[in-house]
Full PDB file with SEQRES, HELIX, SHEET, SSBOND, CRYST1, ORIGX, SCALE, CONECT and MASTER records, all heavy atoms in Angstrom:
SEQRES   1 A   33  TYR ALA SER ARG VAL PRO GLY ARG MET HIS ALA CYS GLY          
SEQRES   2 A   33  HIS ASP GLY HIS THR ALA MET LEU LEU GLY ALA ALA LYS          
SEQRES   3 A   33  GLY LEU ALA GLU THR ARG ASN                                  
HELIX    1 AA1 HIS A   14  THR A   31  1                                  18    
CRYST1    1.000    1.000    1.000  90.00  90.00  90.00 P 1           1          
ORIGX1      1.000000  0.000000  0.000000        0.00000                         
ORIGX2      0.000000  1.000000  0.000000        0.00000                         
ORIGX3      0.000000  0.000000  1.000000        0.00000                         
SCALE1      1.000000  0.000000  0.000000        0.00000                         
SCALE2      0.000000  1.000000  0.000000        0.00000                         
SCALE3      0.000000  0.000000  1.000000        0.00000                         
ATOM      1  N   TYR A   1      30.773 -18.064  48.651  1.00  0.00           N  
ATOM      2  CA  TYR A   1      30.041 -19.300  48.582  1.00  0.00           C  
ATOM      3  C   TYR A   1      29.989 -20.044  49.915  1.00  0.00           C  
ATOM      4  O   TYR A   1      29.727 -21.212  49.963  1.00  0.00           O  
ATOM      5  CB  TYR A   1      30.562 -20.252  47.510  1.00  0.00           C  
ATOM      6  CG  TYR A   1      32.089 -20.476  47.589  1.00  0.00           C  
ATOM      7  CD1 TYR A   1      32.668 -21.462  48.474  1.00  0.00           C  
ATOM      8  CD2 TYR A   1      32.972 -19.660  46.849  1.00  0.00           C  
ATOM      9  CE1 TYR A   1      33.957 -21.672  48.548  1.00  0.00           C  
ATOM     10  CE2 TYR A   1      34.331 -19.874  46.918  1.00  0.00           C  
ATOM     11  CZ  TYR A   1      34.800 -20.857  47.771  1.00  0.00           C  
ATOM     12  OH  TYR A   1      36.174 -21.059  47.861  1.00  0.00           O  
ATOM     13  N   ALA A   2      30.163 -19.311  51.005  1.00  0.00           N  
ATOM     14  CA  ALA A   2      30.133 -19.895  52.342  1.00  0.00           C  
ATOM     15  C   ALA A   2      28.648 -20.419  52.572  1.00  0.00           C  
ATOM     16  O   ALA A   2      27.673 -19.996  51.987  1.00  0.00           O  
ATOM     17  CB  ALA A   2      30.496 -18.869  53.382  1.00  0.00           C  
ATOM     18  N   SER A   3      28.571 -21.313  53.567  1.00  0.00           N  
ATOM     19  CA  SER A   3      27.283 -21.876  53.900  1.00  0.00           C  
ATOM     20  C   SER A   3      26.293 -20.791  54.315  1.00  0.00           C  
ATOM     21  O   SER A   3      26.655 -19.832  55.010  1.00  0.00           O  
ATOM     22  CB  SER A   3      27.474 -22.831  55.088  1.00  0.00           C  
ATOM     23  OG  SER A   3      26.250 -23.257  55.576  1.00  0.00           O  
ATOM     24  N   ARG A   4      25.085 -20.938  53.844  1.00  0.00           N  
ATOM     25  CA  ARG A   4      24.035 -20.013  54.232  1.00  0.00           C  
ATOM     26  C   ARG A   4      23.148 -20.498  55.365  1.00  0.00           C  
ATOM     27  O   ARG A   4      22.209 -19.889  55.786  1.00  0.00           O  
ATOM     28  CB  ARG A   4      23.122 -19.695  53.016  1.00  0.00           C  
ATOM     29  CG  ARG A   4      23.895 -19.035  51.857  1.00  0.00           C  
ATOM     30  CD  ARG A   4      22.961 -18.798  50.670  1.00  0.00           C  
ATOM     31  NE  ARG A   4      23.737 -18.212  49.516  1.00  0.00           N  
ATOM     32  CZ  ARG A   4      23.181 -17.942  48.363  1.00  0.00           C  
ATOM     33  NH1 ARG A   4      21.881 -18.210  48.155  1.00  0.00           N  
ATOM     34  NH2 ARG A   4      23.906 -17.463  47.397  1.00  0.00           N  
ATOM     35  N   VAL A   5      23.472 -21.729  55.817  1.00  0.00           N  
ATOM     36  CA  VAL A   5      22.686 -22.345  56.917  1.00  0.00           C  
ATOM     37  C   VAL A   5      23.489 -22.150  58.220  1.00  0.00           C  
ATOM     38  O   VAL A   5      24.556 -22.661  58.300  1.00  0.00           O  
ATOM     39  CB  VAL A   5      22.524 -23.861  56.575  1.00  0.00           C  
ATOM     40  CG1 VAL A   5      21.657 -24.475  57.720  1.00  0.00           C  
ATOM     41  CG2 VAL A   5      21.805 -24.093  55.286  1.00  0.00           C  
ATOM     42  N   PRO A   6      22.919 -21.515  59.168  1.00  0.00           N  
ATOM     43  CA  PRO A   6      23.628 -21.260  60.476  1.00  0.00           C  
ATOM     44  C   PRO A   6      24.006 -22.584  61.095  1.00  0.00           C  
ATOM     45  O   PRO A   6      23.203 -23.445  61.200  1.00  0.00           O  
ATOM     46  CB  PRO A   6      22.570 -20.461  61.301  1.00  0.00           C  
ATOM     47  CG  PRO A   6      21.679 -19.844  60.281  1.00  0.00           C  
ATOM     48  CD  PRO A   6      21.610 -20.817  59.092  1.00  0.00           C  
ATOM     49  N   GLY A   7      25.286 -22.602  61.590  1.00  0.00           N  
ATOM     50  CA  GLY A   7      25.699 -23.839  62.249  1.00  0.00           C  
ATOM     51  C   GLY A   7      25.961 -25.007  61.400  1.00  0.00           C  
ATOM     52  O   GLY A   7      26.107 -26.145  61.918  1.00  0.00           O  
ATOM     53  N   ARG A   8      26.014 -24.902  60.085  1.00  0.00           N  
ATOM     54  CA  ARG A   8      26.300 -26.037  59.166  1.00  0.00           C  
ATOM     55  C   ARG A   8      27.219 -25.583  58.100  1.00  0.00           C  
ATOM     56  O   ARG A   8      27.105 -24.481  57.513  1.00  0.00           O  
ATOM     57  CB  ARG A   8      24.982 -26.503  58.555  1.00  0.00           C  
ATOM     58  CG  ARG A   8      23.927 -27.086  59.550  1.00  0.00           C  
ATOM     59  CD  ARG A   8      24.379 -28.459  60.077  1.00  0.00           C  
ATOM     60  NE  ARG A   8      23.345 -29.029  60.924  1.00  0.00           N  
ATOM     61  CZ  ARG A   8      23.201 -28.859  62.184  1.00  0.00           C  
ATOM     62  NH1 ARG A   8      24.077 -28.030  62.814  1.00  0.00           N  
ATOM     63  NH2 ARG A   8      22.285 -29.429  62.882  1.00  0.00           N  
ATOM     64  N   MET A   9      28.204 -26.448  57.752  1.00  0.00           N  
ATOM     65  CA  MET A   9      29.116 -26.068  56.684  1.00  0.00           C  
ATOM     66  C   MET A   9      29.734 -27.339  56.097  1.00  0.00           C  
ATOM     67  O   MET A   9      29.751 -28.406  56.681  1.00  0.00           O  
ATOM     68  CB  MET A   9      30.189 -25.085  57.149  1.00  0.00           C  
ATOM     69  CG  MET A   9      31.253 -25.786  58.028  1.00  0.00           C  
ATOM     70  SD  MET A   9      32.722 -24.765  58.326  1.00  0.00           S  
ATOM     71  CE  MET A   9      33.584 -24.760  56.795  1.00  0.00           C  
ATOM     72  N   HIS A  10      30.239 -27.208  54.827  1.00  0.00           N  
ATOM     73  CA  HIS A  10      31.018 -28.253  54.166  1.00  0.00           C  
ATOM     74  C   HIS A  10      32.459 -28.160  54.797  1.00  0.00           C  
ATOM     75  O   HIS A  10      33.298 -27.439  54.234  1.00  0.00           O  
ATOM     76  CB  HIS A  10      31.103 -27.996  52.688  1.00  0.00           C  
ATOM     77  CG  HIS A  10      29.865 -28.416  51.971  1.00  0.00           C  
ATOM     78  ND1 HIS A  10      29.410 -29.723  51.986  1.00  0.00           N  
ATOM     79  CD2 HIS A  10      28.967 -27.692  51.181  1.00  0.00           C  
ATOM     80  CE1 HIS A  10      28.290 -29.798  51.215  1.00  0.00           C  
ATOM     81  NE2 HIS A  10      28.017 -28.616  50.780  1.00  0.00           N  
ATOM     82  N   ALA A  11      32.670 -28.813  55.866  1.00  0.00           N  
ATOM     83  CA  ALA A  11      33.942 -28.648  56.622  1.00  0.00           C  
ATOM     84  C   ALA A  11      34.867 -29.842  56.365  1.00  0.00           C  
ATOM     85  O   ALA A  11      35.901 -29.983  57.045  1.00  0.00           O  
ATOM     86  CB  ALA A  11      33.688 -28.513  58.090  1.00  0.00           C  
ATOM     87  N   CYS A  12      34.592 -30.693  55.398  1.00  0.00           N  
ATOM     88  CA  CYS A  12      35.457 -31.872  55.167  1.00  0.00           C  
ATOM     89  C   CYS A  12      35.769 -32.054  53.682  1.00  0.00           C  
ATOM     90  O   CYS A  12      36.455 -33.037  53.389  1.00  0.00           O  
ATOM     91  CB  CYS A  12      34.810 -33.119  55.785  1.00  0.00           C  
ATOM     92  SG  CYS A  12      35.961 -34.428  56.227  1.00  0.00           S  
ATOM     93  N   GLY A  13      35.173 -31.269  52.811  1.00  0.00           N  
ATOM     94  CA  GLY A  13      35.555 -31.327  51.415  1.00  0.00           C  
ATOM     95  C   GLY A  13      34.818 -32.347  50.566  1.00  0.00           C  
ATOM     96  O   GLY A  13      35.220 -32.569  49.455  1.00  0.00           O  
ATOM     97  N   HIS A  14      33.737 -32.915  51.107  1.00  0.00           N  
ATOM     98  CA  HIS A  14      32.971 -33.919  50.311  1.00  0.00           C  
ATOM     99  C   HIS A  14      32.334 -33.232  49.096  1.00  0.00           C  
ATOM    100  O   HIS A  14      32.067 -33.917  48.098  1.00  0.00           O  
ATOM    101  CB  HIS A  14      31.976 -34.643  51.188  1.00  0.00           C  
ATOM    102  CG  HIS A  14      32.534 -35.351  52.310  1.00  0.00           C  
ATOM    103  ND1 HIS A  14      31.821 -35.997  53.232  1.00  0.00           N  
ATOM    104  CD2 HIS A  14      33.841 -35.515  52.713  1.00  0.00           C  
ATOM    105  CE1 HIS A  14      32.605 -36.612  54.094  1.00  0.00           C  
ATOM    106  NE2 HIS A  14      33.817 -36.291  53.838  1.00  0.00           N  
ATOM    107  N   ASP A  15      32.034 -31.922  49.194  1.00  0.00           N  
ATOM    108  CA  ASP A  15      31.567 -31.269  47.997  1.00  0.00           C  
ATOM    109  C   ASP A  15      32.582 -31.215  46.893  1.00  0.00           C  
ATOM    110  O   ASP A  15      32.257 -31.408  45.718  1.00  0.00           O  
ATOM    111  CB  ASP A  15      31.118 -29.803  48.376  1.00  0.00           C  
ATOM    112  CG  ASP A  15      32.163 -29.080  49.188  1.00  0.00           C  
ATOM    113  OD1 ASP A  15      33.095 -29.720  49.775  1.00  0.00           O  
ATOM    114  OD2 ASP A  15      32.104 -27.810  49.200  1.00  0.00           O  
ATOM    115  N   GLY A  16      33.871 -31.056  47.295  1.00  0.00           N  
ATOM    116  CA  GLY A  16      34.963 -31.168  46.266  1.00  0.00           C  
ATOM    117  C   GLY A  16      35.102 -32.555  45.736  1.00  0.00           C  
ATOM    118  O   GLY A  16      35.401 -32.783  44.536  1.00  0.00           O  
ATOM    119  N   HIS A  17      35.014 -33.551  46.624  1.00  0.00           N  
ATOM    120  CA  HIS A  17      35.051 -34.958  46.114  1.00  0.00           C  
ATOM    121  C   HIS A  17      33.955 -35.227  45.097  1.00  0.00           C  
ATOM    122  O   HIS A  17      34.153 -35.888  44.084  1.00  0.00           O  
ATOM    123  CB  HIS A  17      34.878 -35.962  47.336  1.00  0.00           C  
ATOM    124  CG  HIS A  17      35.900 -35.712  48.380  1.00  0.00           C  
ATOM    125  ND1 HIS A  17      35.685 -36.146  49.710  1.00  0.00           N  
ATOM    126  CD2 HIS A  17      37.081 -35.082  48.399  1.00  0.00           C  
ATOM    127  CE1 HIS A  17      36.738 -35.857  50.443  1.00  0.00           C  
ATOM    128  NE2 HIS A  17      37.556 -35.254  49.720  1.00  0.00           N  
ATOM    129  N   THR A  18      32.785 -34.731  45.389  1.00  0.00           N  
ATOM    130  CA  THR A  18      31.682 -34.885  44.440  1.00  0.00           C  
ATOM    131  C   THR A  18      31.987 -34.197  43.153  1.00  0.00           C  
ATOM    132  O   THR A  18      31.735 -34.793  42.049  1.00  0.00           O  
ATOM    133  CB  THR A  18      30.365 -34.233  45.092  1.00  0.00           C  
ATOM    134  OG1 THR A  18      30.095 -34.909  46.326  1.00  0.00           O  
ATOM    135  CG2 THR A  18      29.186 -34.433  44.124  1.00  0.00           C  
ATOM    136  N   ALA A  19      32.585 -33.025  43.144  1.00  0.00           N  
ATOM    137  CA  ALA A  19      32.954 -32.388  41.896  1.00  0.00           C  
ATOM    138  C   ALA A  19      33.975 -33.176  41.085  1.00  0.00           C  
ATOM    139  O   ALA A  19      33.876 -33.270  39.871  1.00  0.00           O  
ATOM    140  CB  ALA A  19      33.523 -30.971  42.186  1.00  0.00           C  
ATOM    141  N   MET A  20      34.895 -33.781  41.749  1.00  0.00           N  
ATOM    142  CA  MET A  20      35.885 -34.629  41.119  1.00  0.00           C  
ATOM    143  C   MET A  20      35.249 -35.798  40.371  1.00  0.00           C  
ATOM    144  O   MET A  20      35.518 -36.072  39.246  1.00  0.00           O  
ATOM    145  CB  MET A  20      36.928 -35.225  42.150  1.00  0.00           C  
ATOM    146  CG  MET A  20      37.867 -34.205  42.722  1.00  0.00           C  
ATOM    147  SD  MET A  20      38.877 -35.078  43.986  1.00  0.00           S  
ATOM    148  CE  MET A  20      39.955 -33.720  44.469  1.00  0.00           C  
ATOM    149  N   LEU A  21      34.329 -36.449  41.044  1.00  0.00           N  
ATOM    150  CA  LEU A  21      33.702 -37.644  40.490  1.00  0.00           C  
ATOM    151  C   LEU A  21      32.734 -37.261  39.377  1.00  0.00           C  
ATOM    152  O   LEU A  21      32.626 -37.994  38.351  1.00  0.00           O  
ATOM    153  CB  LEU A  21      32.946 -38.478  41.576  1.00  0.00           C  
ATOM    154  CG  LEU A  21      32.668 -39.880  41.277  1.00  0.00           C  
ATOM    155  CD1 LEU A  21      33.934 -40.657  40.861  1.00  0.00           C  
ATOM    156  CD2 LEU A  21      32.026 -40.613  42.512  1.00  0.00           C  
ATOM    157  N   LEU A  22      32.084 -36.109  39.532  1.00  0.00           N  
ATOM    158  CA  LEU A  22      31.226 -35.651  38.362  1.00  0.00           C  
ATOM    159  C   LEU A  22      32.080 -35.290  37.210  1.00  0.00           C  
ATOM    160  O   LEU A  22      31.696 -35.547  36.040  1.00  0.00           O  
ATOM    161  CB  LEU A  22      30.401 -34.379  38.884  1.00  0.00           C  
ATOM    162  CG  LEU A  22      29.231 -34.663  39.837  1.00  0.00           C  
ATOM    163  CD1 LEU A  22      28.732 -33.372  40.366  1.00  0.00           C  
ATOM    164  CD2 LEU A  22      28.148 -35.448  39.109  1.00  0.00           C  
ATOM    165  N   GLY A  23      33.200 -34.752  37.410  1.00  0.00           N  
ATOM    166  CA  GLY A  23      34.183 -34.398  36.300  1.00  0.00           C  
ATOM    167  C   GLY A  23      34.600 -35.696  35.593  1.00  0.00           C  
ATOM    168  O   GLY A  23      34.659 -35.745  34.379  1.00  0.00           O  
ATOM    169  N   ALA A  24      34.882 -36.690  36.428  1.00  0.00           N  
ATOM    170  CA  ALA A  24      35.335 -37.996  35.840  1.00  0.00           C  
ATOM    171  C   ALA A  24      34.199 -38.611  35.084  1.00  0.00           C  
ATOM    172  O   ALA A  24      34.360 -39.224  33.963  1.00  0.00           O  
ATOM    173  CB  ALA A  24      35.847 -38.933  36.939  1.00  0.00           C  
ATOM    174  N   ALA A  25      32.954 -38.539  35.602  1.00  0.00           N  
ATOM    175  CA  ALA A  25      31.837 -39.065  34.947  1.00  0.00           C  
ATOM    176  C   ALA A  25      31.640 -38.485  33.532  1.00  0.00           C  
ATOM    177  O   ALA A  25      31.370 -39.155  32.532  1.00  0.00           O  
ATOM    178  CB  ALA A  25      30.564 -38.890  35.785  1.00  0.00           C  
ATOM    179  N   LYS A  26      31.777 -37.140  33.532  1.00  0.00           N  
ATOM    180  CA  LYS A  26      31.666 -36.381  32.228  1.00  0.00           C  
ATOM    181  C   LYS A  26      32.764 -36.841  31.267  1.00  0.00           C  
ATOM    182  O   LYS A  26      32.458 -37.112  30.086  1.00  0.00           O  
ATOM    183  CB  LYS A  26      31.724 -34.913  32.471  1.00  0.00           C  
ATOM    184  CG  LYS A  26      31.506 -34.001  31.208  1.00  0.00           C  
ATOM    185  CD  LYS A  26      31.499 -32.565  31.594  1.00  0.00           C  
ATOM    186  CE  LYS A  26      31.101 -31.701  30.387  1.00  0.00           C  
ATOM    187  NZ  LYS A  26      32.078 -31.679  29.324  1.00  0.00           N  
ATOM    188  N   GLY A  27      33.963 -36.932  31.742  1.00  0.00           N  
ATOM    189  CA  GLY A  27      35.080 -37.299  30.873  1.00  0.00           C  
ATOM    190  C   GLY A  27      34.957 -38.706  30.373  1.00  0.00           C  
ATOM    191  O   GLY A  27      35.151 -39.002  29.179  1.00  0.00           O  
ATOM    192  N   LEU A  28      34.597 -39.695  31.286  1.00  0.00           N  
ATOM    193  CA  LEU A  28      34.470 -41.066  30.837  1.00  0.00           C  
ATOM    194  C   LEU A  28      33.274 -41.223  29.875  1.00  0.00           C  
ATOM    195  O   LEU A  28      33.440 -42.076  28.915  1.00  0.00           O  
ATOM    196  CB  LEU A  28      34.244 -41.952  32.063  1.00  0.00           C  
ATOM    197  CG  LEU A  28      35.440 -42.113  32.987  1.00  0.00           C  
ATOM    198  CD1 LEU A  28      35.010 -42.753  34.329  1.00  0.00           C  
ATOM    199  CD2 LEU A  28      36.537 -42.929  32.373  1.00  0.00           C  
ATOM    200  N   ALA A  29      32.209 -40.517  30.079  1.00  0.00           N  
ATOM    201  CA  ALA A  29      31.100 -40.568  29.124  1.00  0.00           C  
ATOM    202  C   ALA A  29      31.449 -40.078  27.734  1.00  0.00           C  
ATOM    203  O   ALA A  29      30.943 -40.542  26.734  1.00  0.00           O  
ATOM    204  CB  ALA A  29      29.914 -39.855  29.754  1.00  0.00           C  
ATOM    205  N   GLU A  30      32.368 -39.102  27.690  1.00  0.00           N  
ATOM    206  CA  GLU A  30      32.744 -38.503  26.435  1.00  0.00           C  
ATOM    207  C   GLU A  30      33.727 -39.374  25.679  1.00  0.00           C  
ATOM    208  O   GLU A  30      33.760 -39.541  24.487  1.00  0.00           O  
ATOM    209  CB  GLU A  30      33.266 -37.097  26.645  1.00  0.00           C  
ATOM    210  CG  GLU A  30      32.248 -36.104  27.044  1.00  0.00           C  
ATOM    211  CD  GLU A  30      32.868 -34.750  27.427  1.00  0.00           C  
ATOM    212  OE1 GLU A  30      34.065 -34.674  27.606  1.00  0.00           O  
ATOM    213  OE2 GLU A  30      32.041 -33.770  27.556  1.00  0.00           O  
ATOM    214  N   THR A  31      34.695 -39.926  26.412  1.00  0.00           N  
ATOM    215  CA  THR A  31      35.842 -40.648  25.811  1.00  0.00           C  
ATOM    216  C   THR A  31      35.533 -42.121  25.564  1.00  0.00           C  
ATOM    217  O   THR A  31      35.997 -42.725  24.635  1.00  0.00           O  
ATOM    218  CB  THR A  31      37.119 -40.490  26.595  1.00  0.00           C  
ATOM    219  OG1 THR A  31      36.943 -41.023  27.923  1.00  0.00           O  
ATOM    220  CG2 THR A  31      37.462 -39.037  26.744  1.00  0.00           C  
ATOM    221  N   ARG A  32      34.862 -42.740  26.564  1.00  0.00           N  
ATOM    222  CA  ARG A  32      34.499 -44.196  26.483  1.00  0.00           C  
ATOM    223  C   ARG A  32      35.780 -45.011  26.274  1.00  0.00           C  
ATOM    224  O   ARG A  32      35.688 -46.066  25.573  1.00  0.00           O  
ATOM    225  CB  ARG A  32      33.501 -44.433  25.357  1.00  0.00           C  
ATOM    226  CG  ARG A  32      32.204 -43.690  25.499  1.00  0.00           C  
ATOM    227  CD  ARG A  32      31.288 -44.364  26.566  1.00  0.00           C  
ATOM    228  NE  ARG A  32      30.043 -43.647  26.801  1.00  0.00           N  
ATOM    229  CZ  ARG A  32      29.086 -44.067  27.567  1.00  0.00           C  
ATOM    230  NH1 ARG A  32      29.140 -45.218  28.154  1.00  0.00           N  
ATOM    231  NH2 ARG A  32      27.982 -43.352  27.726  1.00  0.00           N  
ATOM    232  N   ASN A  33      36.851 -44.641  26.812  1.00  0.00           N  
ATOM    233  CA  ASN A  33      38.125 -45.351  26.569  1.00  0.00           C  
ATOM    234  C   ASN A  33      38.306 -46.433  27.654  1.00  0.00           C  
ATOM    235  O   ASN A  33      39.394 -46.529  28.274  1.00  0.00           O  
ATOM    236  CB  ASN A  33      39.290 -44.339  26.598  1.00  0.00           C  
ATOM    237  CG  ASN A  33      40.626 -45.035  26.184  1.00  0.00           C  
ATOM    238  OD1 ASN A  33      40.590 -45.936  25.371  1.00  0.00           O  
ATOM    239  ND2 ASN A  33      41.678 -44.530  26.706  1.00  0.00           N  
TER     240      ASN A  33                                                      
MASTER        0    0    0    1    0    0    0    6  239    1    0    3          
END                                                                             
C-alpha cells in the first residue's frame, strides 16, 4: 500500500490518525453513550 505518487508519501501518520477518528465516529454513532 505504498504511495503510488512519485515523490509523495504519508510520512507522518496522519492517515492513521484519520482512521482512529473515523473508528471513534463509528463507535460513538453506534453507542451514543
